[in-house]
PDB file of N, CA and C in Angstrom:
ATOM      1  N   MET A   1     -15.108 -69.241 -22.946  1.00  0.00           N
ATOM      2  CA  MET A   1     -14.652 -69.284 -21.569  1.00  0.00           C
ATOM      3  C   MET A   1     -13.145 -69.084 -21.457  1.00  0.00           C
ATOM      4  N   ASN A   2     -12.491 -68.640 -22.485  1.00  0.00           N
ATOM      5  CA  ASN A   2     -11.056 -68.392 -22.418  1.00  0.00           C
ATOM      6  C   ASN A   2     -10.765 -66.968 -21.963  1.00  0.00           C
ATOM      7  N   ASP A   3     -11.757 -66.252 -21.558  1.00  0.00           N
ATOM      8  CA  ASP A   3     -11.583 -64.888 -21.083  1.00  0.00           C
ATOM      9  C   ASP A   3     -10.791 -64.921 -19.777  1.00  0.00           C
ATOM     10  N   PRO A   4      -9.739 -64.061 -19.613  1.00  0.00           N
ATOM     11  CA  PRO A   4      -8.900 -64.116 -18.401  1.00  0.00           C
ATOM     12  C   PRO A   4      -9.651 -63.813 -17.109  1.00  0.00           C
ATOM     13  N   LYS A   5     -10.732 -63.048 -17.163  1.00  0.00           N
ATOM     14  CA  LYS A   5     -11.416 -62.732 -15.915  1.00  0.00           C
ATOM     15  C   LYS A   5     -12.177 -63.925 -15.351  1.00  0.00           C
ATOM     16  N   PHE A   6     -12.368 -64.982 -16.149  1.00  0.00           N
ATOM     17  CA  PHE A   6     -13.029 -66.179 -15.657  1.00  0.00           C
ATOM     18  C   PHE A   6     -12.041 -67.263 -15.233  1.00  0.00           C
ATOM     19  N   GLN A   7     -10.755 -67.032 -15.423  1.00  0.00           N
ATOM     20  CA  GLN A   7      -9.738 -68.007 -15.027  1.00  0.00           C
ATOM     21  C   GLN A   7      -9.469 -67.871 -13.526  1.00  0.00           C
ATOM     22  N   PRO A   8      -9.055 -68.959 -12.835  1.00  0.00           N
ATOM     23  CA  PRO A   8      -8.862 -68.886 -11.383  1.00  0.00           C
ATOM     24  C   PRO A   8      -7.814 -67.864 -10.954  1.00  0.00           C
ATOM     25  N   ASN A   9      -6.714 -67.723 -11.677  1.00  0.00           N
ATOM     26  CA  ASN A   9      -5.659 -66.788 -11.281  1.00  0.00           C
ATOM     27  C   ASN A   9      -5.397 -65.769 -12.378  1.00  0.00           C
ATOM     28  N   GLY A  10      -6.356 -65.444 -13.154  1.00  0.00           N
ATOM     29  CA  GLY A  10      -6.093 -64.586 -14.297  1.00  0.00           C
ATOM     30  C   GLY A  10      -6.924 -63.333 -14.364  1.00  0.00           C
ATOM     31  N   GLY A  11      -6.858 -62.479 -13.409  1.00  0.00           N
ATOM     32  CA  GLY A  11      -7.550 -61.203 -13.507  1.00  0.00           C
ATOM     33  C   GLY A  11      -8.678 -61.087 -12.506  1.00  0.00           C
ATOM     34  N   GLY A  12      -9.561 -60.179 -12.773  1.00  0.00           N
ATOM     35  CA  GLY A  12     -10.661 -59.946 -11.849  1.00  0.00           C
ATOM     36  C   GLY A  12     -10.155 -59.287 -10.585  1.00  0.00           C
ATOM     37  N   ALA A  13     -10.590 -59.784  -9.454  1.00  0.00           N
ATOM     38  CA  ALA A  13     -10.198 -59.213  -8.164  1.00  0.00           C
ATOM     39  C   ALA A  13      -9.029 -59.992  -7.570  1.00  0.00           C
ATOM     40  N   GLN A  14      -7.939 -60.088  -8.311  1.00  0.00           N
ATOM     41  CA  GLN A  14      -6.718 -60.764  -7.876  1.00  0.00           C
ATOM     42  C   GLN A  14      -6.960 -62.230  -7.514  1.00  0.00           C
ATOM     43  N   GLY A  15      -7.690 -62.920  -8.294  1.00  0.00           N
ATOM     44  CA  GLY A  15      -7.911 -64.336  -8.062  1.00  0.00           C
ATOM     45  C   GLY A  15      -8.814 -64.599  -6.881  1.00  0.00           C
ATOM     46  N   SER A  16      -8.237 -65.080  -5.781  1.00  0.00           N
ATOM     47  CA  SER A  16      -9.048 -65.453  -4.623  1.00  0.00           C
ATOM     48  C   SER A  16      -9.271 -64.307  -3.648  1.00  0.00           C
ATOM     49  N   GLN A  17      -8.620 -63.146  -3.866  1.00  0.00           N
ATOM     50  CA  GLN A  17      -8.804 -62.020  -2.949  1.00  0.00           C
ATOM     51  C   GLN A  17     -10.121 -61.315  -3.257  1.00  0.00           C
ATOM     52  N   HIS A  18     -10.804 -60.922  -2.218  1.00  0.00           N
ATOM     53  CA  HIS A  18     -12.071 -60.216  -2.382  1.00  0.00           C
ATOM     54  C   HIS A  18     -11.831 -58.723  -2.320  1.00  0.00           C
ATOM     55  N   PRO A  19     -12.650 -57.940  -3.002  1.00  0.00           N
ATOM     56  CA  PRO A  19     -12.499 -56.490  -2.898  1.00  0.00           C
ATOM     57  C   PRO A  19     -12.856 -56.027  -1.486  1.00  0.00           C
ATOM     58  N   PRO A  20     -12.284 -54.904  -1.042  1.00  0.00           N
ATOM     59  CA  PRO A  20     -12.583 -54.427   0.306  1.00  0.00           C
ATOM     60  C   PRO A  20     -14.050 -54.052   0.456  1.00  0.00           C
ATOM     61  N   HIS A  21     -14.563 -54.222   1.651  1.00  0.00           N
ATOM     62  CA  HIS A  21     -15.964 -53.915   1.937  1.00  0.00           C
ATOM     63  C   HIS A  21     -16.097 -52.482   2.404  1.00  0.00           C
ATOM     64  N   GLY A  22     -16.986 -51.751   1.825  1.00  0.00           N
ATOM     65  CA  GLY A  22     -17.264 -50.387   2.242  1.00  0.00           C
ATOM     66  C   GLY A  22     -16.274 -49.387   1.678  1.00  0.00           C
ATOM     67  N   PRO A  23     -16.604 -48.116   1.781  1.00  0.00           N
ATOM     68  CA  PRO A  23     -15.706 -47.078   1.268  1.00  0.00           C
ATOM     69  C   PRO A  23     -14.462 -46.935   2.139  1.00  0.00           C
ATOM     70  N   ARG A  24     -13.407 -46.339   1.554  1.00  0.00           N
ATOM     71  CA  ARG A  24     -12.121 -46.214   2.240  1.00  0.00           C
ATOM     72  C   ARG A  24     -12.231 -45.380   3.511  1.00  0.00           C
ATOM     73  N   TRP A  25     -13.034 -44.319   3.505  1.00  0.00           N
ATOM     74  CA  TRP A  25     -13.106 -43.447   4.685  1.00  0.00           C
ATOM     75  C   TRP A  25     -13.704 -44.173   5.876  1.00  0.00           C
ATOM     76  N   LYS A  26     -14.454 -45.239   5.659  1.00  0.00           N
ATOM     77  CA  LYS A  26     -14.967 -46.025   6.781  1.00  0.00           C
ATOM     78  C   LYS A  26     -13.948 -47.063   7.241  1.00  0.00           C
ATOM     79  N   ARG A  27     -13.190 -47.622   6.295  1.00  0.00           N
ATOM     80  CA  ARG A  27     -12.210 -48.651   6.645  1.00  0.00           C
ATOM     81  C   ARG A  27     -10.988 -48.082   7.336  1.00  0.00           C
ATOM     82  N   MET A  28     -10.614 -46.837   7.031  1.00  0.00           N
ATOM     83  CA  MET A  28      -9.367 -46.301   7.575  1.00  0.00           C
ATOM     84  C   MET A  28      -9.431 -46.081   9.081  1.00  0.00           C
ATOM     85  N   HIS A  29     -10.617 -46.043   9.670  1.00  0.00           N
ATOM     86  CA  HIS A  29     -10.718 -45.882  11.116  1.00  0.00           C
ATOM     87  C   HIS A  29     -10.292 -47.140  11.868  1.00  0.00           C
ATOM     88  N   HIS A  30     -10.083 -48.225  11.183  1.00  0.00           N
ATOM     89  CA  HIS A  30      -9.611 -49.455  11.802  1.00  0.00           C
ATOM     90  C   HIS A  30      -8.095 -49.556  11.754  1.00  0.00           C
ATOM     91  N   SER A  31      -7.438 -48.606  11.115  1.00  0.00           N
ATOM     92  CA  SER A  31      -5.986 -48.629  10.969  1.00  0.00           C
ATOM     93  C   SER A  31      -5.317 -47.995  12.190  1.00  0.00           C
ATOM     94  N   PRO A  32      -4.272 -48.637  12.736  1.00  0.00           N
ATOM     95  CA  PRO A  32      -3.556 -48.015  13.860  1.00  0.00           C
ATOM     96  C   PRO A  32      -2.853 -46.727  13.447  1.00  0.00           C
ATOM     97  N   PHE A  33      -2.428 -46.631  12.187  1.00  0.00           N
ATOM     98  CA  PHE A  33      -1.782 -45.408  11.715  1.00  0.00           C
ATOM     99  C   PHE A  33      -2.723 -44.212  11.836  1.00  0.00           C
ATOM    100  N   PHE A  34      -3.986 -44.407  11.530  1.00  0.00           N
ATOM    101  CA  PHE A  34      -4.970 -43.328  11.639  1.00  0.00           C
ATOM    102  C   PHE A  34      -5.061 -42.826  13.073  1.00  0.00           C
ATOM    103  N   TRP A  35      -5.130 -43.740  14.046  1.00  0.00           N
ATOM    104  CA  TRP A  35      -5.300 -43.342  15.440  1.00  0.00           C
ATOM    105  C   TRP A  35      -4.036 -42.706  15.999  1.00  0.00           C
ATOM    106  N   VAL A  36      -2.861 -43.150  15.563  1.00  0.00           N
ATOM    107  CA  VAL A  36      -1.612 -42.507  16.002  1.00  0.00           C
ATOM    108  C   VAL A  36      -1.548 -41.082  15.456  1.00  0.00           C
ATOM    109  N   ALA A  37      -1.890 -40.917  14.182  1.00  0.00           N
ATOM    110  CA  ALA A  37      -1.886 -39.576  13.584  1.00  0.00           C
ATOM    111  C   ALA A  37      -2.926 -38.671  14.251  1.00  0.00           C
ATOM    112  N   ALA A  38      -4.107 -39.207  14.530  1.00  0.00           N
ATOM    113  CA  ALA A  38      -5.140 -38.412  15.192  1.00  0.00           C
ATOM    114  C   ALA A  38      -4.694 -37.983  16.582  1.00  0.00           C
ATOM    115  N   PHE A  39      -4.004 -38.862  17.308  1.00  0.00           N
ATOM    116  CA  PHE A  39      -3.504 -38.526  18.643  1.00  0.00           C
ATOM    117  C   PHE A  39      -2.497 -37.380  18.574  1.00  0.00           C
ATOM    118  N   PHE A  40      -1.542 -37.460  17.637  1.00  0.00           N
ATOM    119  CA  PHE A  40      -0.534 -36.400  17.545  1.00  0.00           C
ATOM    120  C   PHE A  40      -1.133 -35.078  17.063  1.00  0.00           C
ATOM    121  N   ILE A  41      -2.122 -35.121  16.222  1.00  0.00           N
ATOM    122  CA  ILE A  41      -2.793 -33.893  15.804  1.00  0.00           C
ATOM    123  C   ILE A  41      -3.522 -33.268  16.988  1.00  0.00           C
ATOM    124  N   LEU A  42      -4.173 -34.087  17.789  1.00  0.00           N
ATOM    125  CA  LEU A  42      -4.862 -33.581  18.973  1.00  0.00           C
ATOM    126  C   LEU A  42      -3.877 -32.982  19.971  1.00  0.00           C
ATOM    127  N   VAL A  43      -2.734 -33.633  20.183  1.00  0.00           N
ATOM    128  CA  VAL A  43      -1.706 -33.094  21.082  1.00  0.00           C
ATOM    129  C   VAL A  43      -1.193 -31.755  20.561  1.00  0.00           C
ATOM    130  N   ALA A  44      -0.985 -31.642  19.254  1.00  0.00           N
ATOM    131  CA  ALA A  44      -0.515 -30.380  18.681  1.00  0.00           C
ATOM    132  C   ALA A  44      -1.539 -29.269  18.864  1.00  0.00           C
ATOM    133  N   MET A  45      -2.816 -29.562  18.677  1.00  0.00           N
ATOM    134  CA  MET A  45      -3.852 -28.543  18.847  1.00  0.00           C
ATOM    135  C   MET A  45      -3.966 -28.103  20.304  1.00  0.00           C
ATOM    136  N   VAL A  46      -3.912 -29.044  21.245  1.00  0.00           N
ATOM    137  CA  VAL A  46      -3.997 -28.695  22.664  1.00  0.00           C
ATOM    138  C   VAL A  46      -2.781 -27.877  23.075  1.00  0.00           C
ATOM    139  N   THR A  47      -1.598 -28.250  22.588  1.00  0.00           N
ATOM    140  CA  THR A  47      -0.379 -27.482  22.904  1.00  0.00           C
ATOM    141  C   THR A  47      -0.487 -26.065  22.379  1.00  0.00           C
ATOM    142  N   TYR A  48      -0.980 -25.903  21.170  1.00  0.00           N
ATOM    143  CA  TYR A  48      -1.114 -24.580  20.567  1.00  0.00           C
ATOM    144  C   TYR A  48      -2.079 -23.707  21.368  1.00  0.00           C
ATOM    145  N   VAL A  49      -3.187 -24.265  21.783  1.00  0.00           N
ATOM    146  CA  VAL A  49      -4.182 -23.490  22.522  1.00  0.00           C
ATOM    147  C   VAL A  49      -3.698 -23.185  23.938  1.00  0.00           C
ATOM    148  N   MET A  50      -3.132 -24.159  24.625  1.00  0.00           N
ATOM    149  CA  MET A  50      -2.728 -23.974  26.017  1.00  0.00           C
ATOM    150  C   MET A  50      -1.525 -23.047  26.175  1.00  0.00           C
ATOM    151  N   THR A  51      -0.690 -22.908  25.141  1.00  0.00           N
ATOM    152  CA  THR A  51       0.480 -22.035  25.246  1.00  0.00           C
ATOM    153  C   THR A  51       0.221 -20.653  24.681  1.00  0.00           C
ATOM    154  N   ASN A  52      -1.051 -20.338  24.451  1.00  0.00           N
ATOM    155  CA  ASN A  52      -1.423 -19.013  23.945  1.00  0.00           C
ATOM    156  C   ASN A  52      -0.685 -18.693  22.652  1.00  0.00           C
ATOM    157  N   ASN A  53      -0.955 -19.464  21.638  1.00  0.00           N
ATOM    158  CA  ASN A  53      -0.405 -19.230  20.311  1.00  0.00           C
ATOM    159  C   ASN A  53       1.096 -19.505  20.255  1.00  0.00           C
ATOM    160  N   LEU A  54       1.556 -20.480  21.036  1.00  0.00           N
ATOM    161  CA  LEU A  54       2.961 -20.897  21.114  1.00  0.00           C
ATOM    162  C   LEU A  54       3.881 -19.767  21.577  1.00  0.00           C
ATOM    163  N   SER A  55       3.356 -18.794  22.312  1.00  0.00           N
ATOM    164  CA  SER A  55       4.207 -17.745  22.872  1.00  0.00           C
ATOM    165  C   SER A  55       4.457 -18.098  24.336  1.00  0.00           C
ATOM    166  N   PHE A  56       5.585 -18.688  24.617  1.00  0.00           N
ATOM    167  CA  PHE A  56       5.890 -19.163  25.961  1.00  0.00           C
ATOM    168  C   PHE A  56       6.196 -18.012  26.920  1.00  0.00           C
ATOM    169  N   TRP A  57       6.644 -16.888  26.408  1.00  0.00           N
ATOM    170  CA  TRP A  57       6.837 -15.705  27.231  1.00  0.00           C
ATOM    171  C   TRP A  57       6.436 -14.496  26.388  1.00  0.00           C
ATOM    172  N   PRO A  58       5.989 -13.444  27.038  1.00  0.00           N
ATOM    173  CA  PRO A  58       5.517 -12.288  26.264  1.00  0.00           C
ATOM    174  C   PRO A  58       6.666 -11.602  25.543  1.00  0.00           C
ATOM    175  N   GLY A  59       6.327 -10.972  24.452  1.00  0.00           N
ATOM    176  CA  GLY A  59       7.326 -10.264  23.653  1.00  0.00           C
ATOM    177  C   GLY A  59       7.647  -8.908  24.249  1.00  0.00           C
ATOM    178  N   LYS A  60       8.261  -8.061  23.458  1.00  0.00           N
ATOM    179  CA  LYS A  60       8.626  -6.718  23.904  1.00  0.00           C
ATOM    180  C   LYS A  60       7.362  -5.899  24.110  1.00  0.00           C
ATOM    181  N   PRO A  61       7.393  -4.947  25.054  1.00  0.00           N
ATOM    182  CA  PRO A  61       6.209  -4.095  25.245  1.00  0.00           C
ATOM    183  C   PRO A  61       5.983  -3.222  24.010  1.00  0.00           C
ATOM    184  N   PRO A  62       4.746  -2.882  23.723  1.00  0.00           N
ATOM    185  CA  PRO A  62       4.465  -2.057  22.540  1.00  0.00           C
ATOM    186  C   PRO A  62       5.058  -0.659  22.696  1.00  0.00           C
ATOM    187  N   ARG A  63       5.497  -0.092  21.586  1.00  0.00           N
ATOM    188  CA  ARG A  63       6.083   1.255  21.585  1.00  0.00           C
ATOM    189  C   ARG A  63       4.977   2.296  21.464  1.00  0.00           C
ATOM    190  N   GLU A  64       5.357   3.531  21.718  1.00  0.00           N
ATOM    191  CA  GLU A  64       4.426   4.644  21.535  1.00  0.00           C
ATOM    192  C   GLU A  64       4.119   4.784  20.046  1.00  0.00           C
ATOM    193  N   PRO A  65       2.872   5.045  19.688  1.00  0.00           N
ATOM    194  CA  PRO A  65       2.557   5.200  18.282  1.00  0.00           C
ATOM    195  C   PRO A  65       3.194   6.473  17.707  1.00  0.00           C
ATOM    196  N   VAL A  66       3.620   6.388  16.478  1.00  0.00           N
ATOM    197  CA  VAL A  66       4.242   7.526  15.799  1.00  0.00           C
ATOM    198  C   VAL A  66       3.126   8.419  15.255  1.00  0.00           C
ATOM    199  N   PRO A  67       3.141   9.716  15.591  1.00  0.00           N
ATOM    200  CA  PRO A  67       2.073  10.589  15.077  1.00  0.00           C
ATOM    201  C   PRO A  67       2.195  10.763  13.549  1.00  0.00           C
ATOM    202  N   ALA A  68       1.063  10.853  12.896  1.00  0.00           N
ATOM    203  CA  ALA A  68       1.051  10.987  11.445  1.00  0.00           C
ATOM    204  C   ALA A  68       1.483  12.390  11.007  1.00  0.00           C
ATOM    205  N   VAL A  69       1.118  13.428  11.796  1.00  0.00           N
ATOM    206  CA  VAL A  69       1.459  14.798  11.468  1.00  0.00           C
ATOM    207  C   VAL A  69       2.209  15.413  12.644  1.00  0.00           C
ATOM    208  N   ALA A  70       3.364  16.007  12.365  1.00  0.00           N
ATOM    209  CA  ALA A  70       4.153  16.632  13.436  1.00  0.00           C
ATOM    210  C   ALA A  70       3.467  17.924  13.885  1.00  0.00           C
ATOM    211  N   PRO A  71       3.472  18.236  15.190  1.00  0.00           N
ATOM    212  CA  PRO A  71       2.806  19.477  15.658  1.00  0.00           C
ATOM    213  C   PRO A  71       3.547  20.730  15.340  1.00  0.00           C
TER     214      PRO A  71
END
C-alpha cells in the first residue's frame, strides 16, 4: 500500500479533484470564451456576405479585351 496512487495527495487524479465528465468537445460549449468567439465569427461571416465580398464600392470598369491576333 505504499504505492503513490493510493496515497491521499500522491498522484492519481490530483488527490481530491475528479476527472472532467464527458469529452472536451461537449464541455467547451459551457465556456463563455467559446460563445464570444462564436459570436465574432458569426459577425465576420455576416459582414463578409452582406458587403459583397468586402467590396464596399465597385472597382474600375473592365477594359476592352486585347485581341490575340492583330488584323
